[in-house]
Amino acid sequence: GSLGEYTNFLNLTLFDEYAVRNVKKLWKGRRVLVIGKLIQNKWIDTRGGKHDELRIKVDRMIFDPMTPEEREHPELMNSSRKRR
């Protein structure tokens, strides 16, 4: 095998004013360094199905600077944002 690029998507948990200040800076494709705690949740639903989730409880985020294209064309950021 060869080394290739592999992407994982993890849910982030932010609280209070920190969440309010930073939620507008997050969008699909934006690179961000996340410092926090990795939390693993496991549960069994009412039908007996097992579930497993990895989540990061965020202490701090450091955002990559926006690309020149994003600065010149803010509509690129808005159109690529995806919220859950």
N, C-alpha and C. Protein backbone atom coordinates (compact mmCIF):
# COMPACT_ATOMS: atom_id res chain seq x y z
N GLY A 1 0.77 -1.17 0.00
CA GLY A 1 0.00 0.00 0.00
C GLY A 1 0.83 1.26 0.00
N SER A 2 0.15 2.27 -0.42
CA SER A 2 0.77 3.59 -0.42
C SER A 2 0.03 4.48 0.56
N LEU A 3 0.74 5.48 1.02
CA LEU A 3 0.11 6.45 1.90
C LEU A 3 -0.76 7.38 1.07
N GLY A 4 -1.94 7.64 1.54
CA GLY A 4 -2.85 8.54 0.84
C GLY A 4 -3.53 9.45 1.82
N GLU A 5 -4.28 10.37 1.29
CA GLU A 5 -5.00 11.30 2.15
C GLU A 5 -6.28 10.63 2.63
N TYR A 6 -6.55 10.76 3.91
CA TYR A 6 -7.75 10.19 4.50
C TYR A 6 -8.35 11.23 5.42
N THR A 7 -9.63 11.43 5.33
CA THR A 7 -10.30 12.46 6.11
C THR A 7 -11.26 11.84 7.11
N ASN A 8 -11.22 12.33 8.33
CA ASN A 8 -12.19 11.96 9.35
C ASN A 8 -13.00 13.20 9.69
N PHE A 9 -14.29 13.01 9.91
CA PHE A 9 -15.15 14.10 10.33
C PHE A 9 -15.61 13.80 11.75
N LEU A 10 -15.30 14.72 12.66
CA LEU A 10 -15.67 14.54 14.06
C LEU A 10 -16.57 15.70 14.48
N ASN A 11 -17.52 15.39 15.33
CA ASN A 11 -18.36 16.44 15.90
C ASN A 11 -17.57 17.20 16.97
N LEU A 12 -17.79 18.50 17.01
CA LEU A 12 -17.15 19.35 18.01
C LEU A 12 -18.20 19.82 19.00
N THR A 13 -17.80 19.93 20.26
CA THR A 13 -18.68 20.48 21.29
C THR A 13 -18.02 21.75 21.82
N LEU A 14 -18.73 22.88 21.65
CA LEU A 14 -18.27 24.18 22.16
C LEU A 14 -19.37 24.72 23.05
N PHE A 15 -18.99 25.49 24.05
CA PHE A 15 -19.97 26.00 24.99
C PHE A 15 -19.94 27.51 25.11
N ASP A 16 -21.08 28.06 25.48
CA ASP A 16 -21.25 29.43 25.91
C ASP A 16 -20.73 30.45 24.89
N GLU A 17 -20.10 31.49 25.40
CA GLU A 17 -19.64 32.59 24.56
C GLU A 17 -18.60 32.15 23.54
N TYR A 18 -17.79 31.16 23.89
CA TYR A 18 -16.77 30.67 22.95
C TYR A 18 -17.44 30.10 21.70
N ALA A 19 -18.53 29.40 21.89
CA ALA A 19 -19.27 28.85 20.75
C ALA A 19 -19.87 29.96 19.91
N VAL A 20 -20.47 30.94 20.55
CA VAL A 20 -21.10 32.05 19.83
C VAL A 20 -20.07 32.80 18.99
N ARG A 21 -18.90 33.06 19.57
CA ARG A 21 -17.85 33.81 18.86
C ARG A 21 -17.28 33.04 17.67
N ASN A 22 -17.23 31.73 17.75
CA ASN A 22 -16.50 30.97 16.74
C ASN A 22 -17.36 30.24 15.72
N VAL A 23 -18.65 30.09 15.96
CA VAL A 23 -19.48 29.30 15.05
C VAL A 23 -19.51 29.90 13.64
N LYS A 24 -19.46 31.21 13.52
CA LYS A 24 -19.50 31.85 12.21
C LYS A 24 -18.20 31.66 11.43
N LYS A 25 -17.14 31.27 12.11
CA LYS A 25 -15.86 31.05 11.44
C LYS A 25 -15.71 29.63 10.90
N LEU A 26 -16.65 28.76 11.24
CA LEU A 26 -16.57 27.36 10.82
C LEU A 26 -17.44 27.11 9.59
N TRP A 27 -16.87 26.51 8.57
CA TRP A 27 -17.64 26.07 7.42
C TRP A 27 -16.91 24.90 6.77
N LYS A 28 -17.63 24.17 5.94
CA LYS A 28 -17.08 22.99 5.29
C LYS A 28 -15.84 23.38 4.50
N GLY A 29 -14.76 22.67 4.74
CA GLY A 29 -13.53 22.91 4.03
C GLY A 29 -12.55 23.84 4.74
N ARG A 30 -12.99 24.54 5.77
CA ARG A 30 -12.09 25.45 6.50
C ARG A 30 -11.19 24.63 7.40
N ARG A 31 -9.90 24.85 7.28
CA ARG A 31 -8.97 24.12 8.12
C ARG A 31 -8.83 24.81 9.47
N VAL A 32 -8.85 23.98 10.52
CA VAL A 32 -8.79 24.52 11.87
C VAL A 32 -8.03 23.54 12.75
N LEU A 33 -7.18 24.07 13.60
CA LEU A 33 -6.48 23.26 14.60
C LEU A 33 -7.34 23.29 15.85
N VAL A 34 -7.72 22.10 16.34
CA VAL A 34 -8.59 22.00 17.50
C VAL A 34 -7.80 21.42 18.67
N ILE A 35 -7.87 22.11 19.79
CA ILE A 35 -7.22 21.65 21.01
C ILE A 35 -8.33 21.35 22.01
N GLY A 36 -8.33 20.13 22.52
CA GLY A 36 -9.39 19.77 23.45
C GLY A 36 -9.26 18.32 23.89
N LYS A 37 -10.37 17.75 24.26
CA LYS A 37 -10.40 16.39 24.76
C LYS A 37 -11.23 15.53 23.83
N LEU A 38 -10.69 14.35 23.48
CA LEU A 38 -11.41 13.40 22.65
C LEU A 38 -12.33 12.58 23.55
N ILE A 39 -13.62 12.60 23.25
CA ILE A 39 -14.62 11.92 24.06
C ILE A 39 -15.24 10.81 23.21
N GLN A 40 -15.33 9.61 23.77
CA GLN A 40 -16.00 8.52 23.08
C GLN A 40 -17.28 8.18 23.82
N ASN A 41 -18.40 8.27 23.11
CA ASN A 41 -19.70 7.94 23.68
C ASN A 41 -20.18 6.63 23.08
N LYS A 42 -20.65 5.74 23.93
CA LYS A 42 -21.25 4.48 23.48
C LYS A 42 -22.60 4.35 24.16
N TRP A 43 -23.59 3.89 23.39
CA TRP A 43 -24.91 3.68 23.97
C TRP A 43 -25.67 2.64 23.17
N ILE A 44 -26.71 2.13 23.79
CA ILE A 44 -27.61 1.18 23.16
C ILE A 44 -28.98 1.84 23.09
N ASP A 45 -29.55 1.89 21.88
CA ASP A 45 -30.85 2.54 21.74
C ASP A 45 -31.98 1.61 22.20
N THR A 46 -33.20 2.11 22.11
CA THR A 46 -34.35 1.35 22.62
C THR A 46 -34.62 0.07 21.84
N ARG A 47 -34.07 -0.03 20.63
CA ARG A 47 -34.23 -1.25 19.82
C ARG A 47 -33.06 -2.21 19.98
N GLY A 48 -32.15 -1.88 20.87
CA GLY A 48 -30.99 -2.74 21.11
C GLY A 48 -29.81 -2.47 20.19
N GLY A 49 -29.90 -1.46 19.35
CA GLY A 49 -28.81 -1.11 18.45
C GLY A 49 -27.68 -0.42 19.20
N LYS A 50 -26.46 -0.86 18.89
CA LYS A 50 -25.29 -0.26 19.53
C LYS A 50 -24.80 0.92 18.72
N HIS A 51 -24.42 1.98 19.42
CA HIS A 51 -23.92 3.19 18.77
C HIS A 51 -22.60 3.60 19.39
N ASP A 52 -21.78 4.25 18.60
CA ASP A 52 -20.46 4.68 19.02
C ASP A 52 -20.18 6.02 18.35
N GLU A 53 -19.73 7.00 19.12
CA GLU A 53 -19.47 8.32 18.57
C GLU A 53 -18.19 8.89 19.17
N LEU A 54 -17.34 9.48 18.30
CA LEU A 54 -16.19 10.24 18.76
C LEU A 54 -16.53 11.71 18.63
N ARG A 55 -16.19 12.48 19.63
CA ARG A 55 -16.50 13.90 19.68
C ARG A 55 -15.31 14.61 20.32
N ILE A 56 -15.08 15.85 19.96
CA ILE A 56 -14.03 16.64 20.59
C ILE A 56 -14.68 17.74 21.42
N LYS A 57 -14.37 17.78 22.72
CA LYS A 57 -14.80 18.88 23.59
C LYS A 57 -13.73 19.95 23.45
N VAL A 58 -14.07 21.02 22.77
CA VAL A 58 -13.10 22.03 22.35
C VAL A 58 -12.71 22.94 23.51
N ASP A 59 -11.40 23.07 23.70
CA ASP A 59 -10.86 24.06 24.63
C ASP A 59 -10.42 25.31 23.87
N ARG A 60 -9.88 25.08 22.65
CA ARG A 60 -9.35 26.20 21.87
C ARG A 60 -9.31 25.81 20.40
N MET A 61 -9.52 26.79 19.52
CA MET A 61 -9.41 26.57 18.08
C MET A 61 -8.50 27.63 17.48
N ILE A 62 -7.68 27.20 16.53
CA ILE A 62 -6.82 28.11 15.79
C ILE A 62 -7.17 27.94 14.32
N PHE A 63 -7.64 29.01 13.69
CA PHE A 63 -8.11 28.95 12.32
C PHE A 63 -6.99 29.24 11.34
N ASP A 64 -6.97 28.47 10.25
CA ASP A 64 -6.08 28.77 9.14
C ASP A 64 -6.52 30.10 8.54
N PRO A 65 -5.59 30.92 8.12
CA PRO A 65 -6.01 32.17 7.47
C PRO A 65 -6.84 31.86 6.23
N MET A 66 -7.77 32.74 5.93
CA MET A 66 -8.58 32.55 4.73
C MET A 66 -7.69 32.68 3.49
N THR A 67 -8.05 31.98 2.45
CA THR A 67 -7.33 32.07 1.19
C THR A 67 -7.61 33.43 0.56
N PRO A 68 -6.75 33.88 -0.35
CA PRO A 68 -7.03 35.15 -1.04
C PRO A 68 -8.38 35.12 -1.75
N GLU A 69 -8.76 33.96 -2.31
CA GLU A 69 -10.04 33.85 -3.00
C GLU A 69 -11.20 34.07 -2.03
N GLU A 70 -11.09 33.53 -0.82
CA GLU A 70 -12.14 33.71 0.17
C GLU A 70 -12.25 35.17 0.60
N ARG A 71 -11.11 35.84 0.76
CA ARG A 71 -11.14 37.26 1.14
C ARG A 71 -11.74 38.11 0.03
N GLU A 72 -11.38 37.83 -1.23
CA GLU A 72 -11.87 38.63 -2.35
C GLU A 72 -13.31 38.31 -2.72
N HIS A 73 -13.73 37.08 -2.46
CA HIS A 73 -15.08 36.64 -2.84
C HIS A 73 -15.76 35.97 -1.64
N PRO A 74 -16.28 36.76 -0.70
CA PRO A 74 -16.90 36.17 0.50
C PRO A 74 -18.06 35.24 0.18
N GLU A 75 -18.67 35.41 -0.99
CA GLU A 75 -19.78 34.52 -1.35
C GLU A 75 -19.32 33.07 -1.49
N LEU A 76 -18.03 32.85 -1.74
CA LEU A 76 -17.50 31.49 -1.80
C LEU A 76 -17.61 30.81 -0.45
N MET A 77 -17.38 31.56 0.62
CA MET A 77 -17.49 31.00 1.96
C MET A 77 -18.93 30.66 2.27
N ASN A 78 -19.85 31.57 1.98
CA ASN A 78 -21.25 31.35 2.33
C ASN A 78 -21.84 30.18 1.56
N SER A 79 -21.48 30.02 0.31
CA SER A 79 -22.08 28.96 -0.49
C SER A 79 -21.53 27.59 -0.10
N SER A 80 -20.32 27.55 0.49
CA SER A 80 -19.75 26.25 0.85
C SER A 80 -20.06 25.85 2.28
N ARG A 81 -20.71 26.73 3.05
CA ARG A 81 -21.02 26.39 4.43
C ARG A 81 -22.14 25.37 4.49
N LYS A 82 -21.96 24.41 5.38
CA LYS A 82 -23.01 23.41 5.61
C LYS A 82 -23.21 23.29 7.10
N ARG A 83 -24.40 23.51 7.56
CA ARG A 83 -24.73 23.39 8.98
C ARG A 83 -25.54 22.14 9.19
N ARG A 84 -25.41 21.56 10.39
CA ARG A 84 -26.21 20.38 10.72
C ARG A 84 -27.43 20.79 11.48
